């Protein structure tokens, strides 16, 4: 049954979670992104990464986007090859798109594809089943179940042991906001509307369920500074700031885009004081094919314990 986009009534939503047992609400998951990039040599390194993560057996793994570099073909065959690699993860693999696999596909080195056509292909191939990737997928609550948002199959919600998890399709390359005066930017404005709606849903549901914390996954390294209309992340950042401040409990944002492991606290309130309950983590990527391991520990007031997880041989 469809839910009207403007309805404020939240239906009962059952989120599936990994069946891996946890102790006192503690569990671990992995975050990776911006891999594989350098072909064909990175395929063997990606296989090594998959095996290492399988051996560690986290509750699940999140890929924050960019399944290719910005200078390799955006072909159907490549997308299908990556989907095949995703199917080798023993635990669930949840993926959100990056800019390299669609917004940048117009480049000659990428095959001069139409970006929106490539986005349609990603949605059909990776997100049409309403579940994660991996050998043992979990069901996901996806945004396409809401009236008027049927195309946004890639935005997902799930929870585990009192933690809300979500993917939201916000990408680098200025979030596909084109600054050419002739650009219509219909794709940007429609997806931005969907992203803001989904961000609100995440916080609303986490509040209703009295969850201990929230983990958000996007691809983009957000532009927190600019308040200009040319900033394709402006509305998302402003709403994020508002909802984090009101939620008060720990919020973790996972992202990629710039390929450097970084942990920081960039959100500030109106008095330019750090919002202490918000932390963002940028994954390794590009040449550095390693993972970030996050332990959810309810005994820790910060809730999320962040660890570098180096893949031997990579």
C-alpha atoms as a PDB file:
ATOM      1  CA  UNK A   1       0.000   0.000   0.000  1.00  0.00           C
ATOM      2  CA  UNK A   2       1.401   3.399  -0.940  1.00  0.00           C
ATOM      3  CA  UNK A   3       1.909   6.080   1.703  1.00  0.00           C
ATOM      4  CA  UNK A   4       1.123   9.655   0.750  1.00  0.00           C
ATOM      5  CA  UNK A   5       4.262  11.775   0.730  1.00  0.00           C
ATOM      6  CA  UNK A   6       2.583  14.536   2.722  1.00  0.00           C
ATOM      7  CA  UNK A   7       1.121  12.288   5.382  1.00  0.00           C
ATOM      8  CA  UNK A   8       2.508  12.785   8.864  1.00  0.00           C
ATOM      9  CA  UNK A   9       1.217   9.450  10.074  1.00  0.00           C
ATOM     10  CA  UNK A  10       3.961   6.859  10.318  1.00  0.00           C
ATOM     11  CA  UNK A  11       2.866   3.327   9.488  1.00  0.00           C
ATOM     12  CA  UNK A  12       4.261   0.355  11.263  1.00  0.00           C
ATOM     13  CA  UNK A  13       7.490  -0.549   9.554  1.00  0.00           C
ATOM     14  CA  UNK A  14       9.342  -3.717  10.308  1.00  0.00           C
ATOM     15  CA  UNK A  15      13.028  -3.413   9.593  1.00  0.00           C
ATOM     16  CA  UNK A  16      15.085  -6.548   9.036  1.00  0.00           C
ATOM     17  CA  UNK A  17      18.516  -6.844  10.602  1.00  0.00           C
ATOM     18  CA  UNK A  18      21.431  -9.178  10.565  1.00  0.00           C
ATOM     19  CA  UNK A  19      20.829 -12.321  12.567  1.00  0.00           C
ATOM     20  CA  UNK A  20      24.378 -12.342  13.911  1.00  0.00           C
ATOM     21  CA  UNK A  21      24.038 -12.419  17.727  1.00  0.00           C
ATOM     22  CA  UNK A  22      25.233  -9.468  19.768  1.00  0.00           C
ATOM     23  CA  UNK A  23      26.012  -8.996  23.447  1.00  0.00           C
ATOM     24  CA  UNK A  24      24.239  -6.213  25.338  1.00  0.00           C
ATOM     25  CA  UNK A  25      23.435  -4.484  22.076  1.00  0.00           C
ATOM     26  CA  UNK A  26      27.052  -4.399  20.891  1.00  0.00           C
ATOM     27  CA  UNK A  27      27.896  -5.358  17.310  1.00  0.00           C
ATOM     28  CA  UNK A  28      30.300  -4.408  14.529  1.00  0.00           C
ATOM     29  CA  UNK A  29      29.872  -3.452  10.899  1.00  0.00           C
ATOM     30  CA  UNK A  30      32.241  -2.380   8.119  1.00  0.00           C
ATOM     31  CA  UNK A  31      32.289   0.632   5.796  1.00  0.00           C
ATOM     32  CA  UNK A  32      34.115   0.740   2.462  1.00  0.00           C
ATOM     33  CA  UNK A  33      33.943   3.003  -0.568  1.00  0.00           C
ATOM     34  CA  UNK A  34      35.536   4.437  -3.696  1.00  0.00           C
ATOM     35  CA  UNK A  35      36.724   0.973  -4.727  1.00  0.00           C
ATOM     36  CA  UNK A  36      37.676  -0.614  -7.048  1.00  0.00           C
ATOM     37  CA  UNK A  37      39.300   2.178  -9.085  1.00  0.00           C
ATOM     38  CA  UNK A  38      42.439   1.078 -10.932  1.00  0.00           C
ATOM     39  CA  UNK A  39      41.675  -1.672 -13.416  1.00  0.00           C
ATOM     40  CA  UNK A  40      42.333  -4.461 -13.907  1.00  0.00           C
ATOM     41  CA  UNK A  41      44.817  -4.681 -11.011  1.00  0.00           C
ATOM     42  CA  UNK A  42      42.282  -3.592  -8.397  1.00  0.00           C
ATOM     43  CA  UNK A  43      40.011  -6.548  -9.088  1.00  0.00           C
ATOM     44  CA  UNK A  44      42.346  -8.922  -7.248  1.00  0.00           C
ATOM     45  CA  UNK A  45      42.704  -6.413  -4.413  1.00  0.00           C
ATOM     46  CA  UNK A  46      38.922  -6.087  -4.192  1.00  0.00           C
ATOM     47  CA  UNK A  47      38.619  -9.875  -4.056  1.00  0.00           C
ATOM     48  CA  UNK A  48      41.139  -9.773  -1.215  1.00  0.00           C
ATOM     49  CA  UNK A  49      39.022  -7.160   0.562  1.00  0.00           C
ATOM     50  CA  UNK A  50      35.858  -9.238   0.188  1.00  0.00           C
ATOM     51  CA  UNK A  51      37.610 -12.310   1.593  1.00  0.00           C
ATOM     52  CA  UNK A  52      39.088 -10.399   4.525  1.00  0.00           C
ATOM     53  CA  UNK A  53      35.708  -8.955   5.454  1.00  0.00           C
ATOM     54  CA  UNK A  54      34.085 -12.376   5.111  1.00  0.00           C
ATOM     55  CA  UNK A  55      36.705 -13.804   7.448  1.00  0.00           C
ATOM     56  CA  UNK A  56      36.022 -11.100  10.043  1.00  0.00           C
ATOM     57  CA  UNK A  57      32.242 -11.627   9.700  1.00  0.00           C
ATOM     58  CA  UNK A  58      30.764  -8.246  10.672  1.00  0.00           C
ATOM     59  CA  UNK A  59      26.998  -7.882  10.972  1.00  0.00           C
ATOM     60  CA  UNK A  60      26.996  -6.231   7.539  1.00  0.00           C
ATOM     61  CA  UNK A  61      29.096  -4.029   5.266  1.00  0.00           C
ATOM     62  CA  UNK A  62      28.170  -0.652   3.777  1.00  0.00           C
ATOM     63  CA  UNK A  63      29.647   0.556   0.470  1.00  0.00           C
ATOM     64  CA  UNK A  64      29.393   4.367   0.428  1.00  0.00           C
ATOM     65  CA  UNK A  65      29.528   4.650  -3.373  1.00  0.00           C
ATOM     66  CA  UNK A  66      31.903   5.026  -6.305  1.00  0.00           C
ATOM     67  CA  UNK A  67      32.220   1.466  -7.590  1.00  0.00           C
ATOM     68  CA  UNK A  68      34.584   2.787 -10.280  1.00  0.00           C
ATOM     69  CA  UNK A  69      36.884   5.714 -10.979  1.00  0.00           C
ATOM     70  CA  UNK A  70      35.806   8.752 -12.953  1.00  0.00           C
ATOM     71  CA  UNK A  71      37.864   7.690 -15.970  1.00  0.00           C
ATOM     72  CA  UNK A  72      36.706   4.134 -16.700  1.00  0.00           C
ATOM     73  CA  UNK A  73      33.700   2.999 -18.769  1.00  0.00           C
ATOM     74  CA  UNK A  74      30.239   3.038 -17.195  1.00  0.00           C
ATOM     75  CA  UNK A  75      29.227  -0.068 -19.110  1.00  0.00           C
ATOM     76  CA  UNK A  76      26.509  -2.592 -18.308  1.00  0.00           C
ATOM     77  CA  UNK A  77      29.173  -5.299 -18.276  1.00  0.00           C
ATOM     78  CA  UNK A  78      31.173  -3.450 -15.602  1.00  0.00           C
ATOM     79  CA  UNK A  79      28.136  -2.832 -13.412  1.00  0.00           C
ATOM     80  CA  UNK A  80      27.220  -6.509 -13.646  1.00  0.00           C
ATOM     81  CA  UNK A  81      30.776  -7.492 -12.720  1.00  0.00           C
ATOM     82  CA  UNK A  82      30.598  -5.368  -9.567  1.00  0.00           C
ATOM     83  CA  UNK A  83      27.219  -6.834  -8.699  1.00  0.00           C
ATOM     84  CA  UNK A  84      28.882 -10.235  -8.965  1.00  0.00           C
ATOM     85  CA  UNK A  85      31.564  -9.156  -6.498  1.00  0.00           C
ATOM     86  CA  UNK A  86      28.897  -7.829  -4.132  1.00  0.00           C
ATOM     87  CA  UNK A  87      27.234 -11.248  -4.214  1.00  0.00           C
ATOM     88  CA  UNK A  88      30.432 -12.764  -2.762  1.00  0.00           C
ATOM     89  CA  UNK A  89      30.024 -10.967   0.581  1.00  0.00           C
ATOM     90  CA  UNK A  90      28.877 -13.592   3.082  1.00  0.00           C
ATOM     91  CA  UNK A  91      27.070 -10.999   5.185  1.00  0.00           C
ATOM     92  CA  UNK A  92      24.690  -8.348   3.810  1.00  0.00           C
ATOM     93  CA  UNK A  93      26.231  -5.612   1.664  1.00  0.00           C
ATOM     94  CA  UNK A  94      24.318  -2.325   1.484  1.00  0.00           C
ATOM     95  CA  UNK A  95      25.314   0.077  -1.289  1.00  0.00           C
ATOM     96  CA  UNK A  96      24.484   3.690  -2.117  1.00  0.00           C
ATOM     97  CA  UNK A  97      25.474   5.207  -5.504  1.00  0.00           C
ATOM     98  CA  UNK A  98      28.443   7.525  -5.978  1.00  0.00           C
ATOM     99  CA  UNK A  99      28.917  10.166  -8.644  1.00  0.00           C
ATOM    100  CA  UNK A 100      31.459   8.209 -10.719  1.00  0.00           C
ATOM    101  CA  UNK A 101      28.931   5.576 -11.726  1.00  0.00           C
ATOM    102  CA  UNK A 102      26.396   8.007 -13.169  1.00  0.00           C
ATOM    103  CA  UNK A 103      26.877  11.805 -12.968  1.00  0.00           C
ATOM    104  CA  UNK A 104      30.345  11.622 -14.523  1.00  0.00           C
ATOM    105  CA  UNK A 105      29.521   9.023 -17.181  1.00  0.00           C
ATOM    106  CA  UNK A 106      29.212  11.696 -19.898  1.00  0.00           C
ATOM    107  CA  UNK A 107      33.010  11.944 -19.991  1.00  0.00           C
ATOM    108  CA  UNK A 108      34.729  10.479 -23.067  1.00  0.00           C
ATOM    109  CA  UNK A 109      36.834   8.137 -20.899  1.00  0.00           C
ATOM    110  CA  UNK A 110      33.635   6.834 -19.301  1.00  0.00           C
ATOM    111  CA  UNK A 111      31.925   6.097 -22.614  1.00  0.00           C
ATOM    112  CA  UNK A 112      29.943   9.327 -23.129  1.00  0.00           C
ATOM    113  CA  UNK A 113      26.793   7.865 -21.626  1.00  0.00           C
ATOM    114  CA  UNK A 114      23.744   9.860 -20.654  1.00  0.00           C
ATOM    115  CA  UNK A 115      24.070  10.180 -16.841  1.00  0.00           C
ATOM    116  CA  UNK A 116      20.376   9.771 -16.094  1.00  0.00           C
ATOM    117  CA  UNK A 117      20.198   6.657 -18.258  1.00  0.00           C
ATOM    118  CA  UNK A 118      23.109   5.219 -16.276  1.00  0.00           C
ATOM    119  CA  UNK A 119      21.301   6.064 -13.025  1.00  0.00           C
ATOM    120  CA  UNK A 120      18.257   4.184 -14.294  1.00  0.00           C
ATOM    121  CA  UNK A 121      20.503   1.198 -15.006  1.00  0.00           C
ATOM    122  CA  UNK A 122      21.974   1.289 -11.485  1.00  0.00           C
ATOM    123  CA  UNK A 123      18.509   1.403  -9.981  1.00  0.00           C
ATOM    124  CA  UNK A 124      17.351  -1.558 -12.061  1.00  0.00           C
ATOM    125  CA  UNK A 125      20.437  -3.672 -11.435  1.00  0.00           C
ATOM    126  CA  UNK A 126      21.284  -3.002  -7.779  1.00  0.00           C
ATOM    127  CA  UNK A 127      18.070  -1.818  -6.130  1.00  0.00           C
ATOM    128  CA  UNK A 128      15.046  -3.461  -7.751  1.00  0.00           C
ATOM    129  CA  UNK A 129      14.624  -6.267  -5.203  1.00  0.00           C
ATOM    130  CA  UNK A 130      14.053  -4.263  -2.019  1.00  0.00           C
ATOM    131  CA  UNK A 131      16.924  -5.997  -0.271  1.00  0.00           C
ATOM    132  CA  UNK A 132      20.655  -5.720   0.275  1.00  0.00           C
ATOM    133  CA  UNK A 133      23.375  -7.326  -1.802  1.00  0.00           C
ATOM    134  CA  UNK A 134      25.396 -10.276  -0.476  1.00  0.00           C
ATOM    135  CA  UNK A 135      24.961 -14.025  -0.149  1.00  0.00           C
ATOM    136  CA  UNK A 136      22.611 -13.549   2.803  1.00  0.00           C
ATOM    137  CA  UNK A 137      20.682 -10.375   2.004  1.00  0.00           C
ATOM    138  CA  UNK A 138      18.419  -8.545   4.419  1.00  0.00           C
ATOM    139  CA  UNK A 139      15.139  -6.884   3.508  1.00  0.00           C
ATOM    140  CA  UNK A 140      15.279  -3.094   3.369  1.00  0.00           C
ATOM    141  CA  UNK A 141      12.514  -0.529   3.724  1.00  0.00           C
ATOM    142  CA  UNK A 142      12.958   1.559   0.579  1.00  0.00           C
ATOM    143  CA  UNK A 143      11.679   4.964  -0.414  1.00  0.00           C
ATOM    144  CA  UNK A 144       9.860   3.770  -3.520  1.00  0.00           C
ATOM    145  CA  UNK A 145       7.024   2.527  -1.265  1.00  0.00           C
ATOM    146  CA  UNK A 146       5.915   6.142  -0.775  1.00  0.00           C
ATOM    147  CA  UNK A 147       3.532   7.755  -3.238  1.00  0.00           C
ATOM    148  CA  UNK A 148       5.294  10.163  -5.566  1.00  0.00           C
ATOM    149  CA  UNK A 149       8.722   8.706  -4.746  1.00  0.00           C
ATOM    150  CA  UNK A 150       8.503   5.463  -6.690  1.00  0.00           C
ATOM    151  CA  UNK A 151      11.749   5.924  -8.585  1.00  0.00           C
ATOM    152  CA  UNK A 152      13.926   6.282  -5.458  1.00  0.00           C
ATOM    153  CA  UNK A 153      14.590   2.599  -4.863  1.00  0.00           C
ATOM    154  CA  UNK A 154      18.146   3.329  -3.727  1.00  0.00           C
ATOM    155  CA  UNK A 155      17.221   5.121  -0.490  1.00  0.00           C
ATOM    156  CA  UNK A 156      16.877   2.529   2.252  1.00  0.00           C
ATOM    157  CA  UNK A 157      16.204   2.115   5.970  1.00  0.00           C
ATOM    158  CA  UNK A 158      16.918  -0.757   8.320  1.00  0.00           C
ATOM    159  CA  UNK A 159      17.717  -1.148  11.987  1.00  0.00           C
ATOM    160  CA  UNK A 160      19.662  -3.356  14.349  1.00  0.00           C
ATOM    161  CA  UNK A 161      19.656  -3.508  18.141  1.00  0.00           C
ATOM    162  CA  UNK A 162      18.138  -0.064  18.628  1.00  0.00           C
ATOM    163  CA  UNK A 163      20.183   1.734  15.960  1.00  0.00           C
ATOM    164  CA  UNK A 164      18.626   3.277  12.833  1.00  0.00           C
ATOM    165  CA  UNK A 165      20.573   2.887   9.580  1.00  0.00           C
ATOM    166  CA  UNK A 166      19.853   4.668   6.302  1.00  0.00           C
ATOM    167  CA  UNK A 167      21.287   5.296   2.869  1.00  0.00           C
ATOM    168  CA  UNK A 168      20.503   8.616   1.202  1.00  0.00           C
ATOM    169  CA  UNK A 169      21.449   9.364  -2.398  1.00  0.00           C
ATOM    170  CA  UNK A 170      23.614  12.486  -2.057  1.00  0.00           C
ATOM    171  CA  UNK A 171      26.703  12.502  -4.281  1.00  0.00           C
ATOM    172  CA  UNK A 172      29.855  14.444  -5.072  1.00  0.00           C
ATOM    173  CA  UNK A 173      30.208  16.510  -8.249  1.00  0.00           C
ATOM    174  CA  UNK A 174      28.107  19.150  -6.439  1.00  0.00           C
ATOM    175  CA  UNK A 175      25.265  16.606  -6.110  1.00  0.00           C
ATOM    176  CA  UNK A 176      24.667  16.920  -9.887  1.00  0.00           C
ATOM    177  CA  UNK A 177      23.582  20.543  -9.525  1.00  0.00           C
ATOM    178  CA  UNK A 178      24.755  22.083 -12.784  1.00  0.00           C
ATOM    179  CA  UNK A 179      25.733  25.749 -12.691  1.00  0.00           C
ATOM    180  CA  UNK A 180      25.338  26.346 -16.431  1.00  0.00           C
ATOM    181  CA  UNK A 181      22.687  29.048 -16.868  1.00  0.00           C
ATOM    182  CA  UNK A 182      20.928  26.857 -19.454  1.00  0.00           C
ATOM    183  CA  UNK A 183      20.735  23.822 -17.185  1.00  0.00           C
ATOM    184  CA  UNK A 184      17.249  22.807 -15.997  1.00  0.00           C
ATOM    185  CA  UNK A 185      18.483  20.661 -13.091  1.00  0.00           C
ATOM    186  CA  UNK A 186      15.221  18.712 -12.952  1.00  0.00           C
ATOM    187  CA  UNK A 187      17.036  15.584 -11.801  1.00  0.00           C
ATOM    188  CA  UNK A 188      18.775  17.442  -8.980  1.00  0.00           C
ATOM    189  CA  UNK A 189      15.650  19.117  -7.618  1.00  0.00           C
ATOM    190  CA  UNK A 190      13.582  15.929  -7.677  1.00  0.00           C
ATOM    191  CA  UNK A 191      16.283  13.858  -5.958  1.00  0.00           C
ATOM    192  CA  UNK A 192      16.966  16.655  -3.466  1.00  0.00           C
ATOM    193  CA  UNK A 193      13.294  16.651  -2.489  1.00  0.00           C
ATOM    194  CA  UNK A 194      13.450  12.880  -2.027  1.00  0.00           C
ATOM    195  CA  UNK A 195      16.652  13.123   0.026  1.00  0.00           C
ATOM    196  CA  UNK A 196      15.206  15.700   2.402  1.00  0.00           C
ATOM    197  CA  UNK A 197      12.043  13.663   2.825  1.00  0.00           C
ATOM    198  CA  UNK A 198      14.111  10.550   3.596  1.00  0.00           C
ATOM    199  CA  UNK A 199      16.354  12.391   6.061  1.00  0.00           C
ATOM    200  CA  UNK A 200      13.263  13.522   7.945  1.00  0.00           C
ATOM    201  CA  UNK A 201      11.843   9.998   7.933  1.00  0.00           C
ATOM    202  CA  UNK A 202      15.038   8.597   9.435  1.00  0.00           C
ATOM    203  CA  UNK A 203      14.965  11.002  12.367  1.00  0.00           C
ATOM    204  CA  UNK A 204      11.194  10.752  12.836  1.00  0.00           C
ATOM    205  CA  UNK A 205      11.269   6.960  13.014  1.00  0.00           C
ATOM    206  CA  UNK A 206      14.360   6.865  15.237  1.00  0.00           C
ATOM    207  CA  UNK A 207      12.606   9.242  17.636  1.00  0.00           C
ATOM    208  CA  UNK A 208       9.358   7.255  17.598  1.00  0.00           C
ATOM    209  CA  UNK A 209      11.203   3.999  18.264  1.00  0.00           C
ATOM    210  CA  UNK A 210      13.426   5.624  20.927  1.00  0.00           C
ATOM    211  CA  UNK A 211      16.538   4.374  19.161  1.00  0.00           C
ATOM    212  CA  UNK A 212      19.922   4.955  20.755  1.00  0.00           C
ATOM    213  CA  UNK A 213      21.519   6.419  17.641  1.00  0.00           C
ATOM    214  CA  UNK A 214      21.477   6.883  13.878  1.00  0.00           C
ATOM    215  CA  UNK A 215      23.929   5.934  11.122  1.00  0.00           C
ATOM    216  CA  UNK A 216      23.515   7.804   7.827  1.00  0.00           C
ATOM    217  CA  UNK A 217      25.322   6.807   4.636  1.00  0.00           C
ATOM    218  CA  UNK A 218      25.821   9.098   1.653  1.00  0.00           C
ATOM    219  CA  UNK A 219      28.562   9.340  -0.955  1.00  0.00           C
ATOM    220  CA  UNK A 220      29.318  13.066  -0.933  1.00  0.00           C
ATOM    221  CA  UNK A 221      31.887  14.902   1.082  1.00  0.00           C
ATOM    222  CA  UNK A 222      29.406  17.597   2.076  1.00  0.00           C
ATOM    223  CA  UNK A 223      30.064  21.291   1.635  1.00  0.00           C
ATOM    224  CA  UNK A 224      29.261  22.530   5.157  1.00  0.00           C
ATOM    225  CA  UNK A 225      30.532  26.079   4.683  1.00  0.00           C
ATOM    226  CA  UNK A 226      28.803  27.660   1.698  1.00  0.00           C
ATOM    227  CA  UNK A 227      25.348  29.155   2.122  1.00  0.00           C
ATOM    228  CA  UNK A 228      25.193  30.037  -1.566  1.00  0.00           C
ATOM    229  CA  UNK A 229      22.505  28.588  -3.840  1.00  0.00           C
ATOM    230  CA  UNK A 230      25.305  27.179  -5.994  1.00  0.00           C
ATOM    231  CA  UNK A 231      26.086  24.651  -3.231  1.00  0.00           C
ATOM    232  CA  UNK A 232      24.369  21.411  -4.229  1.00  0.00           C
ATOM    233  CA  UNK A 233      24.504  20.206  -0.606  1.00  0.00           C
ATOM    234  CA  UNK A 234      23.054  23.339   1.009  1.00  0.00           C
ATOM    235  CA  UNK A 235      19.530  22.167   1.802  1.00  0.00           C
ATOM    236  CA  UNK A 236      20.701  18.758   2.997  1.00  0.00           C
ATOM    237  CA  UNK A 237      23.311  20.243   5.343  1.00  0.00           C
ATOM    238  CA  UNK A 238      20.870  22.749   6.813  1.00  0.00           C
ATOM    239  CA  UNK A 239      18.239  20.103   7.495  1.00  0.00           C
ATOM    240  CA  UNK A 240      20.872  17.724   8.865  1.00  0.00           C
ATOM    241  CA  UNK A 241      22.026  20.404  11.313  1.00  0.00           C
ATOM    242  CA  UNK A 242      18.469  21.018  12.479  1.00  0.00           C
ATOM    243  CA  UNK A 243      17.602  17.353  12.965  1.00  0.00           C
ATOM    244  CA  UNK A 244      20.889  16.407  14.664  1.00  0.00           C
ATOM    245  CA  UNK A 245      20.534  19.255  17.165  1.00  0.00           C
ATOM    246  CA  UNK A 246      16.973  18.245  18.046  1.00  0.00           C
ATOM    247  CA  UNK A 247      17.743  14.504  18.246  1.00  0.00           C
ATOM    248  CA  UNK A 248      20.558  14.972  20.807  1.00  0.00           C
ATOM    249  CA  UNK A 249      21.608  11.287  20.696  1.00  0.00           C
ATOM    250  CA  UNK A 250      24.686  10.154  18.684  1.00  0.00           C
ATOM    251  CA  UNK A 251      24.519  10.446  14.893  1.00  0.00           C
ATOM    252  CA  UNK A 252      27.220   8.977  12.647  1.00  0.00           C
ATOM    253  CA  UNK A 253      27.570   9.977   8.993  1.00  0.00           C
ATOM    254  CA  UNK A 254      29.543   7.694   6.661  1.00  0.00           C
ATOM    255  CA  UNK A 255      30.778   9.020   3.323  1.00  0.00           C
ATOM    256  CA  UNK A 256      33.503   8.693   0.686  1.00  0.00           C
ATOM    257  CA  UNK A 257      34.322  10.983  -2.253  1.00  0.00           C
ATOM    258  CA  UNK A 258      37.852  12.150  -1.304  1.00  0.00           C
ATOM    259  CA  UNK A 259      39.497   8.775  -0.545  1.00  0.00           C
ATOM    260  CA  UNK A 260      41.105   9.671   2.784  1.00  0.00           C
ATOM    261  CA  UNK A 261      40.306   8.167   6.166  1.00  0.00           C
ATOM    262  CA  UNK A 262      39.031  11.104   8.223  1.00  0.00           C
ATOM    263  CA  UNK A 263      37.049  11.351  11.456  1.00  0.00           C
ATOM    264  CA  UNK A 264      35.760  14.806  12.342  1.00  0.00           C
ATOM    265  CA  UNK A 265      32.878  16.855  13.726  1.00  0.00           C
ATOM    266  CA  UNK A 266      31.993  19.535  11.149  1.00  0.00           C
ATOM    267  CA  UNK A 267      28.434  20.446  12.215  1.00  0.00           C
ATOM    268  CA  UNK A 268      28.053  23.614  14.281  1.00  0.00           C
ATOM    269  CA  UNK A 269      25.097  25.335  15.881  1.00  0.00           C
ATOM    270  CA  UNK A 270      24.057  28.968  15.425  1.00  0.00           C
ATOM    271  CA  UNK A 271      26.707  30.056  17.936  1.00  0.00           C
ATOM    272  CA  UNK A 272      29.409  28.232  15.951  1.00  0.00           C
ATOM    273  CA  UNK A 273      29.766  25.597  18.654  1.00  0.00           C
ATOM    274  CA  UNK A 274      30.342  21.990  17.610  1.00  0.00           C
ATOM    275  CA  UNK A 275      27.307  19.730  17.701  1.00  0.00           C
ATOM    276  CA  UNK A 276      28.972  17.117  19.876  1.00  0.00           C
ATOM    277  CA  UNK A 277      26.496  14.329  19.084  1.00  0.00           C
ATOM    278  CA  UNK A 278      27.441  14.326  15.369  1.00  0.00           C
ATOM    279  CA  UNK A 279      30.497  12.579  13.932  1.00  0.00           C
ATOM    280  CA  UNK A 280      31.356  11.938  10.311  1.00  0.00           C
ATOM    281  CA  UNK A 281      33.747   9.299   8.965  1.00  0.00           C
ATOM    282  CA  UNK A 282      35.260   9.270   5.505  1.00  0.00           C
ATOM    283  CA  UNK A 283      36.264   5.824   4.301  1.00  0.00           C
ATOM    284  CA  UNK A 284      39.504   4.775   2.696  1.00  0.00           C
ATOM    285  CA  UNK A 285      39.410   4.541  -1.099  1.00  0.00           C
ATOM    286  CA  UNK A 286      41.238   4.769  -4.409  1.00  0.00           C
ATOM    287  CA  UNK A 287      44.748   3.263  -3.883  1.00  0.00           C
ATOM    288  CA  UNK A 288      44.044   2.612  -0.210  1.00  0.00           C
ATOM    289  CA  UNK A 289      41.765  -0.422  -0.358  1.00  0.00           C
ATOM    290  CA  UNK A 290      41.039  -0.803   3.344  1.00  0.00           C
ATOM    291  CA  UNK A 291      37.923  -0.747   5.507  1.00  0.00           C
ATOM    292  CA  UNK A 292      36.582   1.171   8.471  1.00  0.00           C
ATOM    293  CA  UNK A 293      35.239  -1.000  11.274  1.00  0.00           C
ATOM    294  CA  UNK A 294      32.600   0.524  13.539  1.00  0.00           C
ATOM    295  CA  UNK A 295      31.633  -1.041  16.837  1.00  0.00           C
ATOM    296  CA  UNK A 296      28.295  -0.051  18.313  1.00  0.00           C
ATOM    297  CA  UNK A 297      28.868  -0.037  22.062  1.00  0.00           C
ATOM    298  CA  UNK A 298      25.931   1.105  24.240  1.00  0.00           C
ATOM    299  CA  UNK A 299      28.291   1.263  27.241  1.00  0.00           C
ATOM    300  CA  UNK A 300      30.196   4.083  25.549  1.00  0.00           C
ATOM    301  CA  UNK A 301      28.457   7.502  25.796  1.00  0.00           C
ATOM    302  CA  UNK A 302      29.641   8.207  22.242  1.00  0.00           C
ATOM    303  CA  UNK A 303      28.030   4.908  21.120  1.00  0.00           C
ATOM    304  CA  UNK A 304      30.133   4.505  17.969  1.00  0.00           C
ATOM    305  CA  UNK A 305      33.732   3.286  18.237  1.00  0.00           C
ATOM    306  CA  UNK A 306      35.645   3.807  14.985  1.00  0.00           C
ATOM    307  CA  UNK A 307      38.590   1.651  13.959  1.00  0.00           C
ATOM    308  CA  UNK A 308      40.863   1.499  10.927  1.00  0.00           C
ATOM    309  CA  UNK A 309      40.683  -2.018   9.492  1.00  0.00           C
ATOM    310  CA  UNK A 310      43.655  -2.658   7.230  1.00  0.00           C
ATOM    311  CA  UNK A 311      43.362  -5.380   4.613  1.00  0.00           C
ATOM    312  CA  UNK A 312      46.553  -7.453   4.560  1.00  0.00           C
ATOM    313  CA  UNK A 313      48.138  -7.471   1.115  1.00  0.00           C
ATOM    314  CA  UNK A 314      46.335  -4.387  -0.116  1.00  0.00           C
END
